[in-house]
């Protein structure tokens, strides 16, 4: 199975910069050995979709609504994302949990809505620094998985992805330090076993947390890491291309 490499551009680029970066990635990323997904902001999605149509790149979104239609000001329908060519959608990212107080019920609803529109949800789970220091990591992960995958059904193991995203290791945190690849591998094996109990299928588990071109190869060599969710490093052309290689 191909390794999955996802670029989360967050709200770091303006419209023109997003188009320029997408064009350069499309020109320089020629590999078929990895599945490379770029997730621009909503404003850039349409133009980026057109820019990467004849490339090896796949389009992703950073979030979606809890339902296909309705009076939800400011939200974006998963059905509309699908019609635009989006294949993957990031859900439950730690920044949305902390900045917009997204809870497990909301994330669960979003996962179901994404699946109903035939998008592939990428569920982000992970512990904070305090939870890690209190040795609560596994309990936190079990709780998130059980609540956010409650009554979720999938037809194949490819229908959903889980991203282990230790909050304390995300590059936007000032004191962030990447987790040791071997330690990440052990936790991702644990996540995989727990997910099988809920979904009855062995889904892909990727890693997100200060992954860059210096450590990407080591993470990707681990048995239980099926890919990477890349933040800041995906904004740098040379760095991200090296990760994709």
Foldseek 3Di string as FASTA:
>chain_A
DAFEAEEEADAVDDQVLVLVLLLLCQVQQQDPRHAYEYEDAPVNLLVSLVNNVPGSYAYEYAFAALAQDDDDPPGHHLLVCVVSRHAEYEFQPVCCCPVVVDDLQRLLSRCQRNVVSNHAYAYEFAEEPVCVVVVNTLVRLLVSLCSNCPPPEDDALARYEYEYEHPQQAPVDPNHDDDDLVVVLVVLVVSQVSNCVRHVYRHAYAYEGPDKLVCLVVNVVRPRHRYYHYYPRSSDNVTVSSSSD
